[in-house]
Amino acid sequence: LDIFDKLARDAYFSNDSKKKEFAQDICWYLVCGKKSPIFGK
């Protein structure tokens, strides 16, 4: 949960374009990923 929290913030606040894109994709994973703690299916 701690790493997902950090990456969710990077998606919005990071100035590194590569890091930002990956973090945005992690947000997608959090919405529907198999091991997402806020989805869980």
Full PDB file with SEQRES, HELIX, SHEET, SSBOND, CRYST1, ORIGX, SCALE, CONECT and MASTER records, all heavy atoms in Angstrom:
SEQRES   1 A   41  LEU ASP ILE PHE ASP LYS LEU ALA ARG ASP ALA TYR PHE          
SEQRES   2 A   41  SER ASN ASP SER LYS LYS LYS GLU PHE ALA GLN ASP ILE          
SEQRES   3 A   41  CYS TRP TYR LEU VAL CYS GLY LYS LYS SER PRO ILE PHE          
SEQRES   4 A   41  GLY LYS                                                      
HELIX    1 AA1 ASP A    2  PHE A   13  1                                  12    
HELIX    2 AA2 SER A   17  CYS A   32  1                                  16    
CRYST1    1.000    1.000    1.000  90.00  90.00  90.00 P 1           1          
ORIGX1      1.000000  0.000000  0.000000        0.00000                         
ORIGX2      0.000000  1.000000  0.000000        0.00000                         
ORIGX3      0.000000  0.000000  1.000000        0.00000                         
SCALE1      1.000000  0.000000  0.000000        0.00000                         
SCALE2      0.000000  1.000000  0.000000        0.00000                         
SCALE3      0.000000  0.000000  1.000000        0.00000                         
ATOM      1  N   LEU A   1       0.824  -1.206   0.000  1.00  0.00           N  
ATOM      2  CA  LEU A   1       0.000   0.000   0.000  1.00  0.00           C  
ATOM      3  C   LEU A   1       0.860   1.258   0.000  1.00  0.00           C  
ATOM      4  O   LEU A   1       0.506   2.265  -0.631  1.00  0.00           O  
ATOM      5  CB  LEU A   1      -0.964  -0.001   1.188  1.00  0.00           C  
ATOM      6  CG  LEU A   1      -2.318  -0.676   0.911  1.00  0.00           C  
ATOM      7  CD1 LEU A   1      -2.166  -2.175   0.692  1.00  0.00           C  
ATOM      8  CD2 LEU A   1      -3.319  -0.400   2.018  1.00  0.00           C  
ATOM      9  N   ASP A   2       2.001   1.197   0.675  1.00  0.00           N  
ATOM     10  CA  ASP A   2       2.899   2.354   0.704  1.00  0.00           C  
ATOM     11  C   ASP A   2       3.457   2.668  -0.683  1.00  0.00           C  
ATOM     12  O   ASP A   2       3.516   3.837  -1.090  1.00  0.00           O  
ATOM     13  CB  ASP A   2       4.048   2.116   1.689  1.00  0.00           C  
ATOM     14  CG  ASP A   2       3.616   2.212   3.140  1.00  0.00           C  
ATOM     15  OD1 ASP A   2       2.593   2.871   3.420  1.00  0.00           O  
ATOM     16  OD2 ASP A   2       4.303   1.618   3.999  1.00  0.00           O  
ATOM     17  N   ILE A   3       3.880   1.639  -1.431  1.00  0.00           N  
ATOM     18  CA  ILE A   3       4.445   1.896  -2.761  1.00  0.00           C  
ATOM     19  C   ILE A   3       3.365   2.360  -3.731  1.00  0.00           C  
ATOM     20  O   ILE A   3       3.593   3.247  -4.565  1.00  0.00           O  
ATOM     21  CB  ILE A   3       5.206   0.655  -3.313  1.00  0.00           C  
ATOM     22  CG1 ILE A   3       5.972   1.014  -4.599  1.00  0.00           C  
ATOM     23  CG2 ILE A   3       4.289  -0.519  -3.568  1.00  0.00           C  
ATOM     24  CD1 ILE A   3       7.063   2.060  -4.431  1.00  0.00           C  
ATOM     25  N   PHE A   4       2.172   1.799  -3.614  1.00  0.00           N  
ATOM     26  CA  PHE A   4       1.079   2.254  -4.477  1.00  0.00           C  
ATOM     27  C   PHE A   4       0.696   3.698  -4.159  1.00  0.00           C  
ATOM     28  O   PHE A   4       0.349   4.476  -5.052  1.00  0.00           O  
ATOM     29  CB  PHE A   4      -0.135   1.341  -4.337  1.00  0.00           C  
ATOM     30  CG  PHE A   4      -0.049   0.073  -5.152  1.00  0.00           C  
ATOM     31  CD1 PHE A   4      -0.493  -1.131  -4.634  1.00  0.00           C  
ATOM     32  CD2 PHE A   4       0.455   0.086  -6.441  1.00  0.00           C  
ATOM     33  CE1 PHE A   4      -0.430  -2.306  -5.375  1.00  0.00           C  
ATOM     34  CE2 PHE A   4       0.530  -1.085  -7.197  1.00  0.00           C  
ATOM     35  CZ  PHE A   4       0.082  -2.285  -6.667  1.00  0.00           C  
ATOM     36  N   ASP A   5       0.746   4.063  -2.887  1.00  0.00           N  
ATOM     37  CA  ASP A   5       0.465   5.445  -2.497  1.00  0.00           C  
ATOM     38  C   ASP A   5       1.468   6.395  -3.151  1.00  0.00           C  
ATOM     39  O   ASP A   5       1.099   7.441  -3.714  1.00  0.00           O  
ATOM     40  CB  ASP A   5       0.523   5.563  -0.967  1.00  0.00           C  
ATOM     41  CG  ASP A   5       0.034   6.901  -0.451  1.00  0.00           C  
ATOM     42  OD1 ASP A   5       0.722   7.915  -0.693  1.00  0.00           O  
ATOM     43  OD2 ASP A   5      -1.029   6.948   0.199  1.00  0.00           O  
ATOM     44  N   LYS A   6       2.748   6.040  -3.088  1.00  0.00           N  
ATOM     45  CA  LYS A   6       3.792   6.878  -3.680  1.00  0.00           C  
ATOM     46  C   LYS A   6       3.613   7.019  -5.187  1.00  0.00           C  
ATOM     47  O   LYS A   6       3.710   8.116  -5.757  1.00  0.00           O  
ATOM     48  CB  LYS A   6       5.170   6.289  -3.376  1.00  0.00           C  
ATOM     49  CG  LYS A   6       6.323   7.109  -3.960  1.00  0.00           C  
ATOM     50  CD  LYS A   6       7.656   6.424  -3.789  1.00  0.00           C  
ATOM     51  CE  LYS A   6       8.784   7.274  -4.384  1.00  0.00           C  
ATOM     52  NZ  LYS A   6       8.582   7.587  -5.825  1.00  0.00           N  
ATOM     53  N   LEU A   7       3.345   5.891  -5.853  1.00  0.00           N  
ATOM     54  CA  LEU A   7       3.214   5.918  -7.311  1.00  0.00           C  
ATOM     55  C   LEU A   7       1.969   6.683  -7.750  1.00  0.00           C  
ATOM     56  O   LEU A   7       1.995   7.389  -8.769  1.00  0.00           O  
ATOM     57  CB  LEU A   7       3.193   4.489  -7.857  1.00  0.00           C  
ATOM     58  CG  LEU A   7       4.540   3.758  -7.798  1.00  0.00           C  
ATOM     59  CD1 LEU A   7       4.364   2.271  -8.050  1.00  0.00           C  
ATOM     60  CD2 LEU A   7       5.526   4.361  -8.795  1.00  0.00           C  
ATOM     61  N   ALA A   8       0.890   6.568  -6.990  1.00  0.00           N  
ATOM     62  CA  ALA A   8      -0.317   7.328  -7.318  1.00  0.00           C  
ATOM     63  C   ALA A   8      -0.031   8.827  -7.286  1.00  0.00           C  
ATOM     64  O   ALA A   8      -0.550   9.593  -8.102  1.00  0.00           O  
ATOM     65  CB  ALA A   8      -1.438   6.977  -6.340  1.00  0.00           C  
ATOM     66  N   ARG A   9       0.822   9.252  -6.355  1.00  0.00           N  
ATOM     67  CA  ARG A   9       1.194  10.669  -6.268  1.00  0.00           C  
ATOM     68  C   ARG A   9       2.142  11.061  -7.409  1.00  0.00           C  
ATOM     69  O   ARG A   9       2.033  12.165  -7.966  1.00  0.00           O  
ATOM     70  CB  ARG A   9       1.830  10.961  -4.903  1.00  0.00           C  
ATOM     71  CG  ARG A   9       0.860  10.759  -3.753  1.00  0.00           C  
ATOM     72  CD  ARG A   9       1.471  11.016  -2.389  1.00  0.00           C  
ATOM     73  NE  ARG A   9       0.618  10.452  -1.355  1.00  0.00           N  
ATOM     74  CZ  ARG A   9      -0.485  11.031  -0.884  1.00  0.00           C  
ATOM     75  NH1 ARG A   9      -0.856  12.204  -1.362  1.00  0.00           N  
ATOM     76  NH2 ARG A   9      -1.209  10.436   0.048  1.00  0.00           N  
ATOM     77  N   ASP A  10       3.054  10.158  -7.761  1.00  0.00           N  
ATOM     78  CA  ASP A  10       3.950  10.428  -8.894  1.00  0.00           C  
ATOM     79  C   ASP A  10       3.160  10.656 -10.181  1.00  0.00           C  
ATOM     80  O   ASP A  10       3.577  11.450 -11.032  1.00  0.00           O  
ATOM     81  CB  ASP A  10       4.913   9.257  -9.102  1.00  0.00           C  
ATOM     82  CG  ASP A  10       6.025   9.204  -8.059  1.00  0.00           C  
ATOM     83  OD1 ASP A  10       6.218  10.202  -7.341  1.00  0.00           O  
ATOM     84  OD2 ASP A  10       6.688   8.145  -7.961  1.00  0.00           O  
ATOM     85  N   ALA A  11       2.044   9.967 -10.324  1.00  0.00           N  
ATOM     86  CA  ALA A  11       1.237  10.090 -11.539  1.00  0.00           C  
ATOM     87  C   ALA A  11       0.804  11.527 -11.777  1.00  0.00           C  
ATOM     88  O   ALA A  11       0.722  11.996 -12.915  1.00  0.00           O  
ATOM     89  CB  ALA A  11       0.011   9.179 -11.445  1.00  0.00           C  
ATOM     90  N   TYR A  12       0.554  12.249 -10.704  1.00  0.00           N  
ATOM     91  CA  TYR A  12       0.067  13.626 -10.822  1.00  0.00           C  
ATOM     92  C   TYR A  12       1.191  14.652 -10.663  1.00  0.00           C  
ATOM     93  O   TYR A  12       1.230  15.656 -11.379  1.00  0.00           O  
ATOM     94  CB  TYR A  12      -1.007  13.880  -9.762  1.00  0.00           C  
ATOM     95  CG  TYR A  12      -1.772  15.177  -9.936  1.00  0.00           C  
ATOM     96  CD1 TYR A  12      -2.821  15.277 -10.849  1.00  0.00           C  
ATOM     97  CD2 TYR A  12      -1.447  16.304  -9.192  1.00  0.00           C  
ATOM     98  CE1 TYR A  12      -3.522  16.458 -11.010  1.00  0.00           C  
ATOM     99  CE2 TYR A  12      -2.143  17.489  -9.340  1.00  0.00           C  
ATOM    100  CZ  TYR A  12      -3.183  17.564 -10.249  1.00  0.00           C  
ATOM    101  OH  TYR A  12      -3.884  18.738 -10.414  1.00  0.00           O  
ATOM    102  N   PHE A  13       2.114  14.403  -9.749  1.00  0.00           N  
ATOM    103  CA  PHE A  13       3.067  15.434  -9.356  1.00  0.00           C  
ATOM    104  C   PHE A  13       4.462  15.292  -9.962  1.00  0.00           C  
ATOM    105  O   PHE A  13       5.232  16.251  -9.953  1.00  0.00           O  
ATOM    106  CB  PHE A  13       3.209  15.463  -7.827  1.00  0.00           C  
ATOM    107  CG  PHE A  13       1.965  15.895  -7.115  1.00  0.00           C  
ATOM    108  CD1 PHE A  13       1.187  14.968  -6.428  1.00  0.00           C  
ATOM    109  CD2 PHE A  13       1.561  17.221  -7.131  1.00  0.00           C  
ATOM    110  CE1 PHE A  13       0.037  15.362  -5.763  1.00  0.00           C  
ATOM    111  CE2 PHE A  13       0.414  17.626  -6.471  1.00  0.00           C  
ATOM    112  CZ  PHE A  13      -0.352  16.697  -5.785  1.00  0.00           C  
ATOM    113  N   SER A  14       4.833  14.121 -10.462  1.00  0.00           N  
ATOM    114  CA  SER A  14       6.202  13.927 -10.942  1.00  0.00           C  
ATOM    115  C   SER A  14       6.502  14.798 -12.165  1.00  0.00           C  
ATOM    116  O   SER A  14       5.652  14.989 -13.047  1.00  0.00           O  
ATOM    117  CB  SER A  14       6.443  12.453 -11.293  1.00  0.00           C  
ATOM    118  OG  SER A  14       7.753  12.283 -11.801  1.00  0.00           O  
ATOM    119  N   ASN A  15       7.732  15.312 -12.218  1.00  0.00           N  
ATOM    120  CA  ASN A  15       8.190  16.092 -13.381  1.00  0.00           C  
ATOM    121  C   ASN A  15       8.987  15.239 -14.366  1.00  0.00           C  
ATOM    122  O   ASN A  15       9.388  15.721 -15.423  1.00  0.00           O  
ATOM    123  CB  ASN A  15       9.057  17.270 -12.902  1.00  0.00           C  
ATOM    124  CG  ASN A  15       8.251  18.276 -12.109  1.00  0.00           C  
ATOM    125  OD1 ASN A  15       7.126  18.602 -12.479  1.00  0.00           O  
ATOM    126  ND2 ASN A  15       8.823  18.777 -11.019  1.00  0.00           N  
ATOM    127  N   ASP A  16       9.224  13.990 -13.999  1.00  0.00           N  
ATOM    128  CA  ASP A  16       9.950  13.055 -14.864  1.00  0.00           C  
ATOM    129  C   ASP A  16       8.924  12.363 -15.757  1.00  0.00           C  
ATOM    130  O   ASP A  16       8.090  11.587 -15.284  1.00  0.00           O  
ATOM    131  CB  ASP A  16      10.694  12.042 -13.987  1.00  0.00           C  
ATOM    132  CG  ASP A  16      11.530  11.058 -14.796  1.00  0.00           C  
ATOM    133  OD1 ASP A  16      11.083  10.640 -15.876  1.00  0.00           O  
ATOM    134  OD2 ASP A  16      12.620  10.693 -14.320  1.00  0.00           O  
ATOM    135  N   SER A  17       8.942  12.625 -17.048  1.00  0.00           N  
ATOM    136  CA  SER A  17       7.895  12.150 -17.967  1.00  0.00           C  
ATOM    137  C   SER A  17       7.801  10.626 -18.004  1.00  0.00           C  
ATOM    138  O   SER A  17       6.698  10.067 -18.052  1.00  0.00           O  
ATOM    139  CB  SER A  17       8.126  12.690 -19.378  1.00  0.00           C  
ATOM    140  OG  SER A  17       9.397  12.299 -19.858  1.00  0.00           O  
ATOM    141  N   LYS A  18       8.964   9.942 -17.961  1.00  0.00           N  
ATOM    142  CA  LYS A  18       8.957   8.479 -18.002  1.00  0.00           C  
ATOM    143  C   LYS A  18       8.370   7.906 -16.715  1.00  0.00           C  
ATOM    144  O   LYS A  18       7.521   7.001 -16.735  1.00  0.00           O  
ATOM    145  CB  LYS A  18      10.377   7.958 -18.210  1.00  0.00           C  
ATOM    146  CG  LYS A  18      10.448   6.466 -18.511  1.00  0.00           C  
ATOM    147  CD  LYS A  18      11.864   6.054 -18.884  1.00  0.00           C  
ATOM    148  CE  LYS A  18      11.929   4.557 -19.203  1.00  0.00           C  
ATOM    149  NZ  LYS A  18      13.315   4.145 -19.554  1.00  0.00           N  
ATOM    150  N   LYS A  19       8.815   8.453 -15.581  1.00  0.00           N  
ATOM    151  CA  LYS A  19       8.293   8.020 -14.288  1.00  0.00           C  
ATOM    152  C   LYS A  19       6.800   8.326 -14.185  1.00  0.00           C  
ATOM    153  O   LYS A  19       6.018   7.536 -13.661  1.00  0.00           O  
ATOM    154  CB  LYS A  19       9.052   8.723 -13.161  1.00  0.00           C  
ATOM    155  CG  LYS A  19       8.640   8.303 -11.764  1.00  0.00           C  
ATOM    156  CD  LYS A  19       9.246   9.194 -10.681  1.00  0.00           C  
ATOM    157  CE  LYS A  19      10.721   8.932 -10.518  1.00  0.00           C  
ATOM    158  NZ  LYS A  19      11.294   9.699  -9.365  1.00  0.00           N  
ATOM    159  N   LYS A  20       6.402   9.467 -14.699  1.00  0.00           N  
ATOM    160  CA  LYS A  20       5.007   9.904 -14.637  1.00  0.00           C  
ATOM    161  C   LYS A  20       4.100   8.961 -15.440  1.00  0.00           C  
ATOM    162  O   LYS A  20       3.037   8.561 -14.971  1.00  0.00           O  
ATOM    163  CB  LYS A  20       4.897  11.332 -15.177  1.00  0.00           C  
ATOM    164  CG  LYS A  20       3.547  12.009 -14.953  1.00  0.00           C  
ATOM    165  CD  LYS A  20       3.589  13.425 -15.508  1.00  0.00           C  
ATOM    166  CE  LYS A  20       2.298  14.164 -15.251  1.00  0.00           C  
ATOM    167  NZ  LYS A  20       2.170  14.608 -13.862  1.00  0.00           N  
ATOM    168  N   GLU A  21       4.538   8.592 -16.658  1.00  0.00           N  
ATOM    169  CA  GLU A  21       3.717   7.703 -17.492  1.00  0.00           C  
ATOM    170  C   GLU A  21       3.534   6.339 -16.825  1.00  0.00           C  
ATOM    171  O   GLU A  21       2.424   5.788 -16.799  1.00  0.00           O  
ATOM    172  CB  GLU A  21       4.344   7.522 -18.876  1.00  0.00           C  
ATOM    173  CG  GLU A  21       3.465   6.656 -19.786  1.00  0.00           C  
ATOM    174  CD  GLU A  21       4.105   6.357 -21.129  1.00  0.00           C  
ATOM    175  OE1 GLU A  21       5.315   6.007 -21.161  1.00  0.00           O  
ATOM    176  OE2 GLU A  21       3.386   6.453 -22.147  1.00  0.00           O  
ATOM    177  N   PHE A  22       4.631   5.806 -16.274  1.00  0.00           N  
ATOM    178  CA  PHE A  22       4.519   4.510 -15.599  1.00  0.00           C  
ATOM    179  C   PHE A  22       3.591   4.607 -14.389  1.00  0.00           C  
ATOM    180  O   PHE A  22       2.763   3.727 -14.157  1.00  0.00           O  
ATOM    181  CB  PHE A  22       5.902   4.015 -15.157  1.00  0.00           C  
ATOM    182  CG  PHE A  22       5.847   2.733 -14.367  1.00  0.00           C  
ATOM    183  CD1 PHE A  22       5.494   1.535 -14.977  1.00  0.00           C  
ATOM    184  CD2 PHE A  22       6.117   2.723 -12.999  1.00  0.00           C  
ATOM    185  CE1 PHE A  22       5.426   0.345 -14.246  1.00  0.00           C  
ATOM    186  CE2 PHE A  22       6.055   1.550 -12.266  1.00  0.00           C  
ATOM    187  CZ  PHE A  22       5.705   0.361 -12.892  1.00  0.00           C  
ATOM    188  N   ALA A  23       3.714   5.680 -13.624  1.00  0.00           N  
ATOM    189  CA  ALA A  23       2.861   5.859 -12.445  1.00  0.00           C  
ATOM    190  C   ALA A  23       1.395   5.994 -12.845  1.00  0.00           C  
ATOM    191  O   ALA A  23       0.497   5.497 -12.153  1.00  0.00           O  
ATOM    192  CB  ALA A  23       3.316   7.082 -11.654  1.00  0.00           C  
ATOM    193  N   GLN A  24       1.140   6.653 -13.967  1.00  0.00           N  
ATOM    194  CA  GLN A  24      -0.238   6.752 -14.466  1.00  0.00           C  
ATOM    195  C   GLN A  24      -0.780   5.376 -14.848  1.00  0.00           C  
ATOM    196  O   GLN A  24      -1.950   5.067 -14.589  1.00  0.00           O  
ATOM    197  CB  GLN A  24      -0.291   7.700 -15.665  1.00  0.00           C  
ATOM    198  CG  GLN A  24      -0.088   9.156 -15.298  1.00  0.00           C  
ATOM    199  CD  GLN A  24       0.115  10.047 -16.511  1.00  0.00           C  
ATOM    200  OE1 GLN A  24       0.048   9.587 -17.659  1.00  0.00           O  
ATOM    201  NE2 GLN A  24       0.376  11.324 -16.276  1.00  0.00           N  
ATOM    202  N   ASP A  25       0.067   4.554 -15.446  1.00  0.00           N  
ATOM    203  CA  ASP A  25      -0.351   3.188 -15.777  1.00  0.00           C  
ATOM    204  C   ASP A  25      -0.606   2.377 -14.504  1.00  0.00           C  
ATOM    205  O   ASP A  25      -1.502   1.518 -14.467  1.00  0.00           O  
ATOM    206  CB  ASP A  25       0.698   2.499 -16.646  1.00  0.00           C  
ATOM    207  CG  ASP A  25       0.719   3.028 -18.078  1.00  0.00           C  
ATOM    208  OD1 ASP A  25      -0.157   3.848 -18.421  1.00  0.00           O  
ATOM    209  OD2 ASP A  25       1.623   2.644 -18.844  1.00  0.00           O  
ATOM    210  N   ILE A  26       0.157   2.653 -13.443  1.00  0.00           N  
ATOM    211  CA  ILE A  26      -0.088   1.998 -12.154  1.00  0.00           C  
ATOM    212  C   ILE A  26      -1.465   2.402 -11.617  1.00  0.00           C  
ATOM    213  O   ILE A  26      -2.168   1.575 -11.010  1.00  0.00           O  
ATOM    214  CB  ILE A  26       1.026   2.343 -11.144  1.00  0.00           C  
ATOM    215  CG1 ILE A  26       2.314   1.589 -11.483  1.00  0.00           C  
ATOM    216  CG2 ILE A  26       0.591   2.029  -9.709  1.00  0.00           C  
ATOM    217  CD1 ILE A  26       2.275   0.090 -11.237  1.00  0.00           C  
ATOM    218  N   CYS A  27      -1.861   3.645 -11.836  1.00  0.00           N  
ATOM    219  CA  CYS A  27      -3.220   4.057 -11.442  1.00  0.00           C  
ATOM    220  C   CYS A  27      -4.258   3.187 -12.144  1.00  0.00           C  
ATOM    221  O   CYS A  27      -5.255   2.776 -11.534  1.00  0.00           O  
ATOM    222  CB  CYS A  27      -3.459   5.531 -11.768  1.00  0.00           C  
ATOM    223  SG  CYS A  27      -2.577   6.680 -10.697  1.00  0.00           S  
ATOM    224  N   TRP A  28      -4.022   2.909 -13.432  1.00  0.00           N  
ATOM    225  CA  TRP A  28      -4.924   2.010 -14.169  1.00  0.00           C  
ATOM    226  C   TRP A  28      -4.938   0.631 -13.510  1.00  0.00           C  
ATOM    227  O   TRP A  28      -5.998   0.033 -13.333  1.00  0.00           O  
ATOM    228  CB  TRP A  28      -4.470   1.913 -15.626  1.00  0.00           C  
ATOM    229  CG  TRP A  28      -5.341   1.049 -16.497  1.00  0.00           C  
ATOM    230  CD1 TRP A  28      -6.375   1.457 -17.290  1.00  0.00           C  
ATOM    231  CD2 TRP A  28      -5.240  -0.369 -16.676  1.00  0.00           C  
ATOM    232  NE1 TRP A  28      -6.940   0.383 -17.941  1.00  0.00           N  
ATOM    233  CE2 TRP A  28      -6.259  -0.755 -17.582  1.00  0.00           C  
ATOM    234  CE3 TRP A  28      -4.406  -1.357 -16.162  1.00  0.00           C  
ATOM    235  CZ2 TRP A  28      -6.455  -2.079 -17.980  1.00  0.00           C  
ATOM    236  CZ3 TRP A  28      -4.604  -2.676 -16.553  1.00  0.00           C  
ATOM    237  CH2 TRP A  28      -5.613  -3.028 -17.452  1.00  0.00           C  
ATOM    238  N   TYR A  29      -3.749   0.129 -13.141  1.00  0.00           N  
ATOM    239  CA  TYR A  29      -3.666  -1.173 -12.476  1.00  0.00           C  
ATOM    240  C   TYR A  29      -4.441  -1.151 -11.159  1.00  0.00           C  
ATOM    241  O   TYR A  29      -5.144  -2.112 -10.820  1.00  0.00           O  
ATOM    242  CB  TYR A  29      -2.204  -1.550 -12.223  1.00  0.00           C  
ATOM    243  CG  TYR A  29      -2.041  -2.906 -11.566  1.00  0.00           C  
ATOM    244  CD1 TYR A  29      -1.954  -4.060 -12.334  1.00  0.00           C  
ATOM    245  CD2 TYR A  29      -2.013  -3.038 -10.177  1.00  0.00           C  
ATOM    246  CE1 TYR A  29      -1.835  -5.313 -11.744  1.00  0.00           C  
ATOM    247  CE2 TYR A  29      -1.896  -4.279  -9.569  1.00  0.00           C  
ATOM    248  CZ  TYR A  29      -1.811  -5.415 -10.360  1.00  0.00           C  
ATOM    249  OH  TYR A  29      -1.711  -6.653  -9.763  1.00  0.00           O  
ATOM    250  N   LEU A  30      -4.336  -0.075 -10.418  1.00  0.00           N  
ATOM    251  CA  LEU A  30      -5.060   0.023  -9.153  1.00  0.00           C  
ATOM    252  C   LEU A  30      -6.569  -0.028  -9.358  1.00  0.00           C  
ATOM    253  O   LEU A  30      -7.301  -0.521  -8.507  1.00  0.00           O  
ATOM    254  CB  LEU A  30      -4.666   1.314  -8.420  1.00  0.00           C  
ATOM    255  CG  LEU A  30      -3.311   1.278  -7.711  1.00  0.00           C  
ATOM    256  CD1 LEU A  30      -2.863   2.675  -7.324  1.00  0.00           C  
ATOM    257  CD2 LEU A  30      -3.364   0.369  -6.488  1.00  0.00           C  
ATOM    258  N   VAL A  31      -7.037   0.470 -10.478  1.00  0.00           N  
ATOM    259  CA  VAL A  31      -8.471   0.461 -10.764  1.00  0.00           C  
ATOM    260  C   VAL A  31      -8.978  -0.955 -11.041  1.00  0.00           C  
ATOM    261  O   VAL A  31     -10.095  -1.307 -10.655  1.00  0.00           O  
ATOM    262  CB  VAL A  31      -8.779   1.391 -11.966  1.00  0.00           C  
ATOM    263  CG1 VAL A  31     -10.221   1.237 -12.437  1.00  0.00           C  
ATOM    264  CG2 VAL A  31      -8.493   2.845 -11.589  1.00  0.00           C  
ATOM    265  N   CYS A  32      -8.148  -1.790 -11.676  1.00  0.00           N  
ATOM    266  CA  CYS A  32      -8.683  -3.088 -12.112  1.00  0.00           C  
ATOM    267  C   CYS A  32      -7.686  -4.247 -12.050  1.00  0.00           C  
ATOM    268  O   CYS A  32      -7.985  -5.339 -12.544  1.00  0.00           O  
ATOM    269  CB  CYS A  32      -9.234  -2.971 -13.539  1.00  0.00           C  
ATOM    270  SG  CYS A  32      -8.009  -2.436 -14.754  1.00  0.00           S  
ATOM    271  N   GLY A  33      -6.526  -4.047 -11.445  1.00  0.00           N  
ATOM    272  CA  GLY A  33      -5.516  -5.107 -11.408  1.00  0.00           C  
ATOM    273  C   GLY A  33      -5.850  -6.220 -10.436  1.00  0.00           C  
ATOM    274  O   GLY A  33      -6.502  -6.006  -9.409  1.00  0.00           O  
ATOM    275  N   LYS A  34      -5.373  -7.416 -10.734  1.00  0.00           N  
ATOM    276  CA  LYS A  34      -5.713  -8.607  -9.944  1.00  0.00           C  
ATOM    277  C   LYS A  34      -5.266  -8.500  -8.494  1.00  0.00           C  
ATOM    278  O   LYS A  34      -5.919  -9.032  -7.594  1.00  0.00           O  
ATOM    279  CB  LYS A  34      -5.076  -9.856 -10.582  1.00  0.00           C  
ATOM    280  CG  LYS A  34      -5.653 -10.212 -11.936  1.00  0.00           C  
ATOM    281  CD  LYS A  34      -4.953 -11.418 -12.539  1.00  0.00           C  
ATOM    282  CE  LYS A  34      -5.504 -11.723 -13.921  1.00  0.00           C  
ATOM    283  NZ  LYS A  34      -4.823 -12.884 -14.540  1.00  0.00           N  
ATOM    284  N   LYS A  35      -4.148  -7.865  -8.267  1.00  0.00           N  
ATOM    285  CA  LYS A  35      -3.648  -7.735  -6.892  1.00  0.00           C  
ATOM    286  C   LYS A  35      -3.745  -6.298  -6.380  1.00  0.00           C  
ATOM    287  O   LYS A  35      -3.050  -5.912  -5.450  1.00  0.00           O  
ATOM    288  CB  LYS A  35      -2.208  -8.247  -6.808  1.00  0.00           C  
ATOM    289  CG  LYS A  35      -2.090  -9.745  -7.070  1.00  0.00           C  
ATOM    290  CD  LYS A  35      -0.652 -10.214  -6.967  1.00  0.00           C  
ATOM    291  CE  LYS A  35      -0.533 -11.703  -7.306  1.00  0.00           C  
ATOM    292  NZ  LYS A  35       0.878 -12.163  -7.267  1.00  0.00           N  
ATOM    293  N   SER A  36      -4.639  -5.544  -6.987  1.00  0.00           N  
ATOM    294  CA  SER A  36      -4.855  -4.184  -6.502  1.00  0.00           C  
ATOM    295  C   SER A  36      -5.608  -4.222  -5.179  1.00  0.00           C  
ATOM    296  O   SER A  36      -6.690  -4.810  -5.091  1.00  0.00           O  
ATOM    297  CB  SER A  36      -5.670  -3.376  -7.517  1.00  0.00           C  
ATOM    298  OG  SER A  36      -6.201  -2.211  -6.901  1.00  0.00           O  
ATOM    299  N   PRO A  37      -5.100  -3.564  -4.136  1.00  0.00           N  
ATOM    300  CA  PRO A  37      -5.788  -3.582  -2.841  1.00  0.00           C  
ATOM    301  C   PRO A  37      -7.093  -2.793  -2.830  1.00  0.00           C  
ATOM    302  O   PRO A  37      -7.906  -2.972  -1.916  1.00  0.00           O  
ATOM    303  CB  PRO A  37      -4.766  -2.953  -1.886  1.00  0.00           C  
ATOM    304  CG  PRO A  37      -3.869  -2.149  -2.753  1.00  0.00           C  
ATOM    305  CD  PRO A  37      -3.816  -2.858  -4.069  1.00  0.00           C  
ATOM    306  N   ILE A  38      -7.301  -1.931  -3.820  1.00  0.00           N  
ATOM    307  CA  ILE A  38      -8.566  -1.193  -3.838  1.00  0.00           C  
ATOM    308  C   ILE A  38      -9.551  -1.768  -4.859  1.00  0.00           C  
ATOM    309  O   ILE A  38     -10.641  -1.224  -5.038  1.00  0.00           O  
ATOM    310  CB  ILE A  38      -8.341   0.314  -4.096  1.00  0.00           C  
ATOM    311  CG1 ILE A  38      -7.602   0.540  -5.407  1.00  0.00           C  
ATOM    312  CG2 ILE A  38      -7.599   0.949  -2.928  1.00  0.00           C  
ATOM    313  CD1 ILE A  38      -7.534   1.995  -5.808  1.00  0.00           C  
ATOM    314  N   PHE A  39      -9.162  -2.878  -5.496  1.00  0.00           N  
ATOM    315  CA  PHE A  39     -10.078  -3.579  -6.408  1.00  0.00           C  
ATOM    316  C   PHE A  39     -10.349  -4.983  -5.895  1.00  0.00           C  
ATOM    317  O   PHE A  39     -11.471  -5.344  -5.586  1.00  0.00           O  
ATOM    318  CB  PHE A  39      -9.498  -3.588  -7.821  1.00  0.00           C  
ATOM    319  CG  PHE A  39     -10.348  -4.326  -8.817  1.00  0.00           C  
ATOM    320  CD1 PHE A  39     -11.646  -3.915  -9.076  1.00  0.00           C  
ATOM    321  CD2 PHE A  39      -9.847  -5.434  -9.494  1.00  0.00           C  
ATOM    322  CE1 PHE A  39     -12.436  -4.599  -9.995  1.00  0.00           C  
ATOM    323  CE2 PHE A  39     -10.626  -6.110 -10.415  1.00  0.00           C  
ATOM    324  CZ  PHE A  39     -11.928  -5.695 -10.654  1.00  0.00           C  
ATOM    325  N   GLY A  40      -9.312  -5.813  -5.825  1.00  0.00           N  
ATOM    326  CA  GLY A  40      -9.417  -7.092  -5.138  1.00  0.00           C  
ATOM    327  C   GLY A  40     -10.268  -8.147  -5.816  1.00  0.00           C  
ATOM    328  O   GLY A  40     -10.924  -8.939  -5.143  1.00  0.00           O  
ATOM    329  N   LYS A  41     -10.254  -8.176  -7.153  1.00  0.00           N  
ATOM    330  CA  LYS A  41     -10.981  -9.209  -7.896  1.00  0.00           C  
ATOM    331  C   LYS A  41     -10.076  -9.764  -8.987  1.00  0.00           C  
ATOM    332  O   LYS A  41      -9.072  -9.152  -9.364  1.00  0.00           O  
ATOM    333  CB  LYS A  41     -12.256  -8.642  -8.527  1.00  0.00           C  
ATOM    334  CG  LYS A  41     -13.252  -8.072  -7.542  1.00  0.00           C  
ATOM    335  CD  LYS A  41     -14.463  -7.506  -8.278  1.00  0.00           C  
ATOM    336  CE  LYS A  41     -15.426  -6.823  -7.336  1.00  0.00           C  
ATOM    337  NZ  LYS A  41     -16.585  -6.236  -8.043  1.00  0.00           N  
TER     338      LYS A  41                                                      
MASTER        0    0    0    2    0    0    0    6  337    1    0    4          
END                                                                             
